[in-house]
PDB file of N, CA and C in Angstrom:
ATOM      1  N   MET A   1      84.413 202.016 140.740  1.00  0.00           N
ATOM      2  CA  MET A   1      84.861 201.169 139.512  1.00  0.00           C
ATOM      3  C   MET A   1      86.332 201.351 139.254  1.00  0.00           C
ATOM      4  N   SER A   2      86.757 199.899 139.501  1.00  0.00           N
ATOM      5  CA  SER A   2      88.464 200.244 139.240  1.00  0.00           C
ATOM      6  C   SER A   2      88.785 199.687 137.651  1.00  0.00           C
ATOM      7  N   ILE A   3      89.677 200.323 137.250  1.00  0.00           N
ATOM      8  CA  ILE A   3      90.063 199.865 135.732  1.00  0.00           C
ATOM      9  C   ILE A   3      90.983 198.749 135.783  1.00  0.00           C
ATOM     10  N   ARG A   4      90.964 197.567 135.278  1.00  0.00           N
ATOM     11  CA  ARG A   4      92.147 196.612 135.071  1.00  0.00           C
ATOM     12  C   ARG A   4      92.840 196.792 134.074  1.00  0.00           C
ATOM     13  N   ARG A   5      94.021 196.761 134.187  1.00  0.00           N
ATOM     14  CA  ARG A   5      94.900 196.729 133.192  1.00  0.00           C
ATOM     15  C   ARG A   5      95.508 195.514 132.788  1.00  0.00           C
ATOM     16  N   HIS A   6      95.251 195.273 131.426  1.00  0.00           N
ATOM     17  CA  HIS A   6      95.792 194.002 131.068  1.00  0.00           C
ATOM     18  C   HIS A   6      97.253 194.111 130.388  1.00  0.00           C
ATOM     19  N   SER A   7      98.060 193.329 130.659  1.00  0.00           N
ATOM     20  CA  SER A   7      99.362 193.361 129.976  1.00  0.00           C
ATOM     21  C   SER A   7      99.646 192.204 129.324  1.00  0.00           C
ATOM     22  N   ILE A   8     100.291 192.357 128.709  1.00  0.00           N
ATOM     23  CA  ILE A   8     100.698 191.140 127.837  1.00  0.00           C
ATOM     24  C   ILE A   8     102.010 190.433 128.279  1.00  0.00           C
ATOM     25  N   ARG A   9     101.678 189.160 128.911  1.00  0.00           N
ATOM     26  CA  ARG A   9     102.942 188.694 129.342  1.00  0.00           C
ATOM     27  C   ARG A   9     103.869 187.975 128.602  1.00  0.00           C
ATOM     28  N   PRO A  10     105.092 187.806 128.982  1.00  0.00           N
ATOM     29  CA  PRO A  10     106.005 187.479 127.979  1.00  0.00           C
ATOM     30  C   PRO A  10     105.825 185.876 127.749  1.00  0.00           C
ATOM     31  N   LYS A  11     105.326 185.081 128.470  1.00  0.00           N
ATOM     32  CA  LYS A  11     105.115 183.643 128.247  1.00  0.00           C
ATOM     33  C   LYS A  11     103.941 183.648 127.069  1.00  0.00           C
ATOM     34  N   PHE A  12     103.096 184.845 127.132  1.00  0.00           N
ATOM     35  CA  PHE A  12     101.921 184.693 125.969  1.00  0.00           C
ATOM     36  C   PHE A  12     102.858 185.006 124.786  1.00  0.00           C
ATOM     37  N   ILE A  13     103.671 186.040 124.661  1.00  0.00           N
ATOM     38  CA  ILE A  13     104.272 186.259 123.302  1.00  0.00           C
ATOM     39  C   ILE A  13     105.043 185.176 122.929  1.00  0.00           C
ATOM     40  N   LEU A  14     105.776 184.360 123.927  1.00  0.00           N
ATOM     41  CA  LEU A  14     106.634 183.445 123.533  1.00  0.00           C
ATOM     42  C   LEU A  14     105.714 182.292 123.017  1.00  0.00           C
ATOM     43  N   LEU A  15     104.581 181.848 123.566  1.00  0.00           N
ATOM     44  CA  LEU A  15     103.763 180.905 122.783  1.00  0.00           C
ATOM     45  C   LEU A  15     103.125 181.347 121.775  1.00  0.00           C
ATOM     46  N   LEU A  16     102.744 182.500 121.498  1.00  0.00           N
ATOM     47  CA  LEU A  16     102.332 182.841 120.004  1.00  0.00           C
ATOM     48  C   LEU A  16     103.427 182.965 119.104  1.00  0.00           C
ATOM     49  N   THR A  17     104.474 183.122 119.482  1.00  0.00           N
ATOM     50  CA  THR A  17     105.514 183.168 118.646  1.00  0.00           C
ATOM     51  C   THR A  17     105.864 181.733 118.068  1.00  0.00           C
ATOM     52  N   ALA A  18     105.822 180.860 119.091  1.00  0.00           N
ATOM     53  CA  ALA A  18     105.887 179.399 118.927  1.00  0.00           C
ATOM     54  C   ALA A  18     104.963 178.802 117.886  1.00  0.00           C
ATOM     55  N   VAL A  19     103.841 179.177 118.222  1.00  0.00           N
ATOM     56  CA  VAL A  19     102.746 178.860 117.149  1.00  0.00           C
ATOM     57  C   VAL A  19     102.788 179.384 115.703  1.00  0.00           C
ATOM     58  N   ILE A  20     103.206 180.841 115.692  1.00  0.00           N
ATOM     59  CA  ILE A  20     103.361 181.182 114.289  1.00  0.00           C
ATOM     60  C   ILE A  20     104.544 180.340 113.547  1.00  0.00           C
ATOM     61  N   ILE A  21     105.537 180.177 114.299  1.00  0.00           N
ATOM     62  CA  ILE A  21     106.553 179.604 113.744  1.00  0.00           C
ATOM     63  C   ILE A  21     106.434 178.132 113.345  1.00  0.00           C
ATOM     64  N   ALA A  22     105.447 177.465 114.169  1.00  0.00           N
ATOM     65  CA  ALA A  22     105.113 176.188 113.847  1.00  0.00           C
ATOM     66  C   ALA A  22     104.266 176.170 112.487  1.00  0.00           C
ATOM     67  N   ALA A  23     103.542 177.239 112.586  1.00  0.00           N
ATOM     68  CA  ALA A  23     102.589 177.066 111.566  1.00  0.00           C
ATOM     69  C   ALA A  23     103.266 177.372 110.161  1.00  0.00           C
ATOM     70  N   LEU A  24     104.163 178.450 110.313  1.00  0.00           N
ATOM     71  CA  LEU A  24     105.009 178.637 108.874  1.00  0.00           C
ATOM     72  C   LEU A  24     105.835 177.422 108.507  1.00  0.00           C
ATOM     73  N   ALA A  25     106.240 176.827 109.484  1.00  0.00           N
ATOM     74  CA  ALA A  25     107.151 175.312 109.303  1.00  0.00           C
ATOM     75  C   ALA A  25     106.432 174.447 108.498  1.00  0.00           C
ATOM     76  N   PHE A  26     105.057 174.284 109.100  1.00  0.00           N
ATOM     77  CA  PHE A  26     104.248 173.389 108.415  1.00  0.00           C
ATOM     78  C   PHE A  26     103.913 173.733 106.895  1.00  0.00           C
ATOM     79  N   VAL A  27     103.899 175.071 106.751  1.00  0.00           N
ATOM     80  CA  VAL A  27     103.414 175.621 105.468  1.00  0.00           C
ATOM     81  C   VAL A  27     104.610 175.341 104.382  1.00  0.00           C
ATOM     82  N   VAL A  28     105.602 175.728 104.861  1.00  0.00           N
ATOM     83  CA  VAL A  28     106.803 175.452 104.296  1.00  0.00           C
ATOM     84  C   VAL A  28     107.132 174.025 104.016  1.00  0.00           C
ATOM     85  N   LYS A  29     107.141 173.218 104.849  1.00  0.00           N
ATOM     86  CA  LYS A  29     107.387 171.841 104.540  1.00  0.00           C
ATOM     87  C   LYS A  29     106.277 171.234 103.567  1.00  0.00           C
ATOM     88  N   ASN A  30     104.979 171.656 103.757  1.00  0.00           N
ATOM     89  CA  ASN A  30     104.102 171.088 102.583  1.00  0.00           C
ATOM     90  C   ASN A  30     104.260 171.512 101.035  1.00  0.00           C
ATOM     91  N   GLN A  31     104.946 172.753 101.141  1.00  0.00           N
ATOM     92  CA  GLN A  31     105.166 173.338 100.065  1.00  0.00           C
ATOM     93  C   GLN A  31     106.359 172.675  99.283  1.00  0.00           C
ATOM     94  N   GLN A  32     107.366 172.352 100.090  1.00  0.00           N
ATOM     95  CA  GLN A  32     108.577 171.655  99.625  1.00  0.00           C
ATOM     96  C   GLN A  32     108.122 170.097  99.285  1.00  0.00           C
ATOM     97  N   ILE A  33     107.294 169.478  99.888  1.00  0.00           N
ATOM     98  CA  ILE A  33     106.557 168.290  99.480  1.00  0.00           C
ATOM     99  C   ILE A  33     105.940 168.440  98.083  1.00  0.00           C
ATOM    100  N   LYS A  34     105.074 169.380  97.897  1.00  0.00           N
ATOM    101  CA  LYS A  34     104.331 169.450  96.747  1.00  0.00           C
ATOM    102  C   LYS A  34     105.423 170.088  95.376  1.00  0.00           C
ATOM    103  N   LEU A  35     106.540 170.679  96.003  1.00  0.00           N
ATOM    104  CA  LEU A  35     107.263 171.276  94.853  1.00  0.00           C
ATOM    105  C   LEU A  35     108.045 170.015  94.433  1.00  0.00           C
ATOM    106  N   GLN A  36     108.422 168.961  95.398  1.00  0.00           N
ATOM    107  CA  GLN A  36     109.297 167.589  94.909  1.00  0.00           C
ATOM    108  C   GLN A  36     108.269 166.824  94.005  1.00  0.00           C
ATOM    109  N   GLU A  37     107.050 166.708  94.447  1.00  0.00           N
ATOM    110  CA  GLU A  37     106.057 166.003  93.682  1.00  0.00           C
ATOM    111  C   GLU A  37     106.039 166.655  92.366  1.00  0.00           C
ATOM    112  N   ILE A  38     105.864 167.825  92.122  1.00  0.00           N
ATOM    113  CA  ILE A  38     105.887 168.516  90.807  1.00  0.00           C
ATOM    114  C   ILE A  38     107.237 168.287  89.936  1.00  0.00           C
ATOM    115  N   LYS A  39     108.484 168.335  90.500  1.00  0.00           N
ATOM    116  CA  LYS A  39     109.509 168.161  89.938  1.00  0.00           C
ATOM    117  C   LYS A  39     109.604 166.681  89.449  1.00  0.00           C
ATOM    118  N   THR A  40     109.185 165.612  90.283  1.00  0.00           N
ATOM    119  CA  THR A  40     109.061 164.169  89.876  1.00  0.00           C
ATOM    120  C   THR A  40     108.409 163.988  88.738  1.00  0.00           C
ATOM    121  N   GLU A  41     106.907 164.789  88.699  1.00  0.00           N
ATOM    122  CA  GLU A  41     106.068 164.602  87.874  1.00  0.00           C
ATOM    123  C   GLU A  41     106.723 165.271  86.280  1.00  0.00           C
ATOM    124  N   GLN A  42     107.436 166.364  86.419  1.00  0.00           N
ATOM    125  CA  GLN A  42     108.067 166.823  85.425  1.00  0.00           C
ATOM    126  C   GLN A  42     109.159 166.248  84.722  1.00  0.00           C
ATOM    127  N   ALA A  43     109.924 165.383  85.654  1.00  0.00           N
ATOM    128  CA  ALA A  43     110.762 164.699  85.040  1.00  0.00           C
ATOM    129  C   ALA A  43     110.319 163.391  84.089  1.00  0.00           C
ATOM    130  N   GLN A  44     109.296 162.855  84.912  1.00  0.00           N
ATOM    131  CA  GLN A  44     108.600 161.878  84.111  1.00  0.00           C
ATOM    132  C   GLN A  44     107.939 162.414  82.810  1.00  0.00           C
ATOM    133  N   LEU A  45     107.142 163.371  82.880  1.00  0.00           N
ATOM    134  CA  LEU A  45     106.639 163.954  81.469  1.00  0.00           C
ATOM    135  C   LEU A  45     107.737 164.296  80.570  1.00  0.00           C
ATOM    136  N   THR A  46     108.941 164.650  80.974  1.00  0.00           N
ATOM    137  CA  THR A  46     109.933 165.035  80.119  1.00  0.00           C
ATOM    138  C   THR A  46     110.646 163.755  79.391  1.00  0.00           C
ATOM    139  N   ARG A  47     110.811 162.622  80.234  1.00  0.00           N
ATOM    140  CA  ARG A  47     111.064 161.470  79.713  1.00  0.00           C
ATOM    141  C   ARG A  47     109.996 160.764  78.590  1.00  0.00           C
ATOM    142  N   GLU A  48     108.720 160.978  78.987  1.00  0.00           N
ATOM    143  CA  GLU A  48     107.758 160.531  78.122  1.00  0.00           C
ATOM    144  C   GLU A  48     107.585 161.248  76.751  1.00  0.00           C
ATOM    145  N   LEU A  49     107.917 162.738  76.783  1.00  0.00           N
ATOM    146  CA  LEU A  49     108.151 163.447  75.716  1.00  0.00           C
ATOM    147  C   LEU A  49     109.253 162.855  74.762  1.00  0.00           C
ATOM    148  N   ASN A  50     110.575 163.000  75.345  1.00  0.00           N
ATOM    149  CA  ASN A  50     111.409 162.455  74.591  1.00  0.00           C
ATOM    150  C   ASN A  50     111.305 161.245  73.887  1.00  0.00           C
ATOM    151  N   GLU A  51     110.542 160.238  74.887  1.00  0.00           N
ATOM    152  CA  GLU A  51     110.287 158.839  74.042  1.00  0.00           C
ATOM    153  C   GLU A  51     109.336 159.024  72.859  1.00  0.00           C
ATOM    154  N   LEU A  52     108.314 159.914  73.335  1.00  0.00           N
ATOM    155  CA  LEU A  52     107.333 160.349  72.151  1.00  0.00           C
ATOM    156  C   LEU A  52     107.976 160.635  70.958  1.00  0.00           C
ATOM    157  N   LYS A  53     109.025 161.938  71.042  1.00  0.00           N
ATOM    158  CA  LYS A  53     109.706 162.341  69.982  1.00  0.00           C
ATOM    159  C   LYS A  53     110.546 161.323  69.157  1.00  0.00           C
ATOM    160  N   ILE A  54     111.037 160.444  70.013  1.00  0.00           N
ATOM    161  CA  ILE A  54     111.893 159.451  69.197  1.00  0.00           C
ATOM    162  C   ILE A  54     111.008 158.536  68.360  1.00  0.00           C
ATOM    163  N   GLU A  55     109.775 158.060  68.809  1.00  0.00           N
ATOM    164  CA  GLU A  55     108.823 157.388  68.296  1.00  0.00           C
ATOM    165  C   GLU A  55     108.331 158.133  67.095  1.00  0.00           C
ATOM    166  N   GLU A  56     108.058 159.382  67.070  1.00  0.00           N
ATOM    167  CA  GLU A  56     107.575 160.458  66.028  1.00  0.00           C
ATOM    168  C   GLU A  56     108.684 160.362  64.813  1.00  0.00           C
ATOM    169  N   GLN A  57     110.018 160.404  65.364  1.00  0.00           N
ATOM    170  CA  GLN A  57     111.095 160.194  64.305  1.00  0.00           C
ATOM    171  C   GLN A  57     111.148 158.877  63.459  1.00  0.00           C
ATOM    172  N   ARG A  58     110.895 157.980  64.338  1.00  0.00           N
ATOM    173  CA  ARG A  58     110.853 156.692  63.785  1.00  0.00           C
ATOM    174  C   ARG A  58     109.668 156.381  62.747  1.00  0.00           C
ATOM    175  N   MET A  59     108.528 157.037  63.261  1.00  0.00           N
ATOM    176  CA  MET A  59     107.507 157.038  62.301  1.00  0.00           C
ATOM    177  C   MET A  59     107.610 157.949  61.019  1.00  0.00           C
ATOM    178  N   GLN A  60     108.231 158.908  61.146  1.00  0.00           N
ATOM    179  CA  GLN A  60     108.430 159.785  59.873  1.00  0.00           C
ATOM    180  C   GLN A  60     109.292 159.013  59.152  1.00  0.00           C
ATOM    181  N   ARG A  61     110.567 158.573  59.611  1.00  0.00           N
ATOM    182  CA  ARG A  61     111.494 157.734  58.530  1.00  0.00           C
ATOM    183  C   ARG A  61     110.632 156.464  57.937  1.00  0.00           C
ATOM    184  N   MET A  62     109.746 155.971  58.683  1.00  0.00           N
ATOM    185  CA  MET A  62     109.009 154.560  58.242  1.00  0.00           C
ATOM    186  C   MET A  62     107.943 155.074  56.989  1.00  0.00           C
ATOM    187  N   ILE A  63     107.355 156.190  57.455  1.00  0.00           N
ATOM    188  CA  ILE A  63     106.584 157.190  56.121  1.00  0.00           C
ATOM    189  C   ILE A  63     107.327 157.360  54.919  1.00  0.00           C
ATOM    190  N   GLU A  64     108.711 158.050  55.141  1.00  0.00           N
ATOM    191  CA  GLU A  64     109.415 158.363  53.978  1.00  0.00           C
ATOM    192  C   GLU A  64     109.935 156.916  53.473  1.00  0.00           C
ATOM    193  N   PHE A  65     110.216 155.991  54.198  1.00  0.00           N
ATOM    194  CA  PHE A  65     110.588 154.691  53.302  1.00  0.00           C
ATOM    195  C   PHE A  65     109.557 154.062  52.567  1.00  0.00           C
ATOM    196  N   ALA A  66     108.096 154.091  53.051  1.00  0.00           N
ATOM    197  CA  ALA A  66     107.023 153.575  52.580  1.00  0.00           C
ATOM    198  C   ALA A  66     106.760 154.357  51.158  1.00  0.00           C
ATOM    199  N   LYS A  67     107.558 155.490  50.940  1.00  0.00           N
ATOM    200  CA  LYS A  67     107.173 156.187  49.695  1.00  0.00           C
ATOM    201  C   LYS A  67     108.324 155.696  48.450  1.00  0.00           C
ATOM    202  N   THR A  68     109.073 154.887  48.909  1.00  0.00           N
ATOM    203  CA  THR A  68     110.303 154.479  48.256  1.00  0.00           C
ATOM    204  C   THR A  68     109.966 153.302  47.317  1.00  0.00           C
ATOM    205  N   GLU A  69     110.563 153.039  46.123  1.00  0.00           N
ATOM    206  CA  GLU A  69     110.617 151.980  45.348  1.00  0.00           C
ATOM    207  C   GLU A  69     110.975 150.716  46.057  1.00  0.00           C
ATOM    208  N   LYS A  70     112.100 150.838  46.803  1.00  0.00           N
ATOM    209  CA  LYS A  70     112.580 149.727  47.460  1.00  0.00           C
ATOM    210  C   LYS A  70     111.380 149.194  48.507  1.00  0.00           C
ATOM    211  N   TYR A  71     110.710 150.040  49.233  1.00  0.00           N
ATOM    212  CA  TYR A  71     109.608 149.482  50.042  1.00  0.00           C
ATOM    213  C   TYR A  71     108.553 148.759  49.171  1.00  0.00           C
ATOM    214  N   LEU A  72     108.077 149.205  48.121  1.00  0.00           N
ATOM    215  CA  LEU A  72     107.210 148.760  47.215  1.00  0.00           C
ATOM    216  C   LEU A  72     107.609 147.336  46.800  1.00  0.00           C
ATOM    217  N   ILE A  73     109.033 147.223  46.410  1.00  0.00           N
ATOM    218  CA  ILE A  73     109.353 145.881  45.990  1.00  0.00           C
ATOM    219  C   ILE A  73     109.274 144.959  47.165  1.00  0.00           C
ATOM    220  N   ARG A  74     109.871 145.489  48.443  1.00  0.00           N
ATOM    221  CA  ARG A  74     109.909 144.583  49.438  1.00  0.00           C
ATOM    222  C   ARG A  74     108.313 144.025  49.846  1.00  0.00           C
ATOM    223  N   TYR A  75     107.587 145.092  49.900  1.00  0.00           N
ATOM    224  CA  TYR A  75     105.904 144.736  50.068  1.00  0.00           C
ATOM    225  C   TYR A  75     105.500 143.629  49.201  1.00  0.00           C
ATOM    226  N   ALA A  76     105.710 143.764  47.817  1.00  0.00           N
ATOM    227  CA  ALA A  76     105.300 142.949  46.830  1.00  0.00           C
ATOM    228  C   ALA A  76     105.865 141.442  47.207  1.00  0.00           C
ATOM    229  N   ARG A  77     107.107 141.471  47.573  1.00  0.00           N
ATOM    230  CA  ARG A  77     107.862 140.281  47.692  1.00  0.00           C
ATOM    231  C   ARG A  77     107.215 139.557  48.871  1.00  0.00           C
ATOM    232  N   GLU A  78     107.218 140.061  50.095  1.00  0.00           N
ATOM    233  CA  GLU A  78     106.966 139.796  51.397  1.00  0.00           C
ATOM    234  C   GLU A  78     105.569 139.424  51.500  1.00  0.00           C
ATOM    235  N   LYS A  79     104.361 140.238  51.128  1.00  0.00           N
ATOM    236  CA  LYS A  79     103.039 140.144  51.458  1.00  0.00           C
ATOM    237  C   LYS A  79     102.402 139.684  50.325  1.00  0.00           C
ATOM    238  N   LEU A  80     102.786 140.044  48.961  1.00  0.00           N
ATOM    239  CA  LEU A  80     101.892 139.640  47.989  1.00  0.00           C
ATOM    240  C   LEU A  80     102.596 138.265  47.212  1.00  0.00           C
ATOM    241  N   GLY A  81     103.828 137.819  47.317  1.00  0.00           N
ATOM    242  CA  GLY A  81     104.562 136.769  47.005  1.00  0.00           C
ATOM    243  C   GLY A  81     104.977 136.718  45.581  1.00  0.00           C
ATOM    244  N   TYR A  82     105.242 138.057  45.077  1.00  0.00           N
ATOM    245  CA  TYR A  82     105.627 138.599  43.684  1.00  0.00           C
ATOM    246  C   TYR A  82     107.124 138.084  43.849  1.00  0.00           C
ATOM    247  N   VAL A  83     107.808 137.841  42.650  1.00  0.00           N
ATOM    248  CA  VAL A  83     109.038 137.677  42.482  1.00  0.00           C
ATOM    249  C   VAL A  83     109.673 138.526  41.171  1.00  0.00           C
ATOM    250  N   MET A  84     110.839 139.039  41.227  1.00  0.00           N
ATOM    251  CA  MET A  84     111.465 139.727  40.132  1.00  0.00           C
ATOM    252  C   MET A  84     111.927 138.692  39.195  1.00  0.00           C
ATOM    253  N   PRO A  85     112.275 139.263  38.026  1.00  0.00           N
ATOM    254  CA  PRO A  85     112.788 138.700  36.867  1.00  0.00           C
ATOM    255  C   PRO A  85     114.230 137.974  37.485  1.00  0.00           C
ATOM    256  N   GLY A  86     114.444 136.999  37.087  1.00  0.00           N
ATOM    257  CA  GLY A  86     115.936 136.200  37.787  1.00  0.00           C
ATOM    258  C   GLY A  86     115.779 135.576  39.067  1.00  0.00           C
ATOM    259  N   ASP A  87     114.712 135.910  39.763  1.00  0.00           N
ATOM    260  CA  ASP A  87     114.554 135.501  41.215  1.00  0.00           C
ATOM    261  C   ASP A  87     114.275 133.962  41.073  1.00  0.00           C
ATOM    262  N   ILE A  88     114.823 133.163  42.075  1.00  0.00           N
ATOM    263  CA  ILE A  88     114.216 131.515  42.195  1.00  0.00           C
ATOM    264  C   ILE A  88     113.191 131.642  43.354  1.00  0.00           C
ATOM    265  N   LEU A  89     112.114 130.947  42.951  1.00  0.00           N
ATOM    266  CA  LEU A  89     110.980 130.790  43.973  1.00  0.00           C
ATOM    267  C   LEU A  89     111.149 129.530  44.541  1.00  0.00           C
ATOM    268  N   PHE A  90     111.226 129.583  45.972  1.00  0.00           N
ATOM    269  CA  PHE A  90     111.157 128.272  46.468  1.00  0.00           C
ATOM    270  C   PHE A  90     109.682 128.156  47.220  1.00  0.00           C
ATOM    271  N   GLU A  91     109.042 127.101  47.055  1.00  0.00           N
ATOM    272  CA  GLU A  91     107.781 126.849  47.712  1.00  0.00           C
ATOM    273  C   GLU A  91     107.997 125.829  48.582  1.00  0.00           C
ATOM    274  N   THR A  92     107.435 126.181  50.029  1.00  0.00           N
ATOM    275  CA  THR A  92     107.550 125.355  50.952  1.00  0.00           C
ATOM    276  C   THR A  92     106.417 124.294  51.462  1.00  0.00           C
ATOM    277  N   GLY A  93     105.403 124.483  50.446  1.00  0.00           N
ATOM    278  CA  GLY A  93     104.269 123.570  50.485  1.00  0.00           C
ATOM    279  C   GLY A  93     103.429 123.872  51.689  1.00  0.00           C
ATOM    280  N   GLU A  94     103.250 125.106  52.227  1.00  0.00           N
ATOM    281  CA  GLU A  94     102.423 125.437  53.029  1.00  0.00           C
ATOM    282  C   GLU A  94     101.150 125.980  52.457  1.00  0.00           C
TER     283      GLU A  94
END
């Protein structure tokens, strides 16, 4: 009975190394693509957040204005048709 010795050939090592490098390159590329997608989404969400903060500030100013006498007078004039003493009322016939 003879014992066969198996030796690792340099071509096999080279092929195995190439396969490992290709697999690693594939993983790295996929991670870079995913990272770019996440960065793009983060930028979009940051813009939306900033827009919502601006809208929130506008709404807060509107709420504060609605608590003032000036708002009540404007509302009474524009929506309810009231006039202040000394004002001249023009009727358009509508």
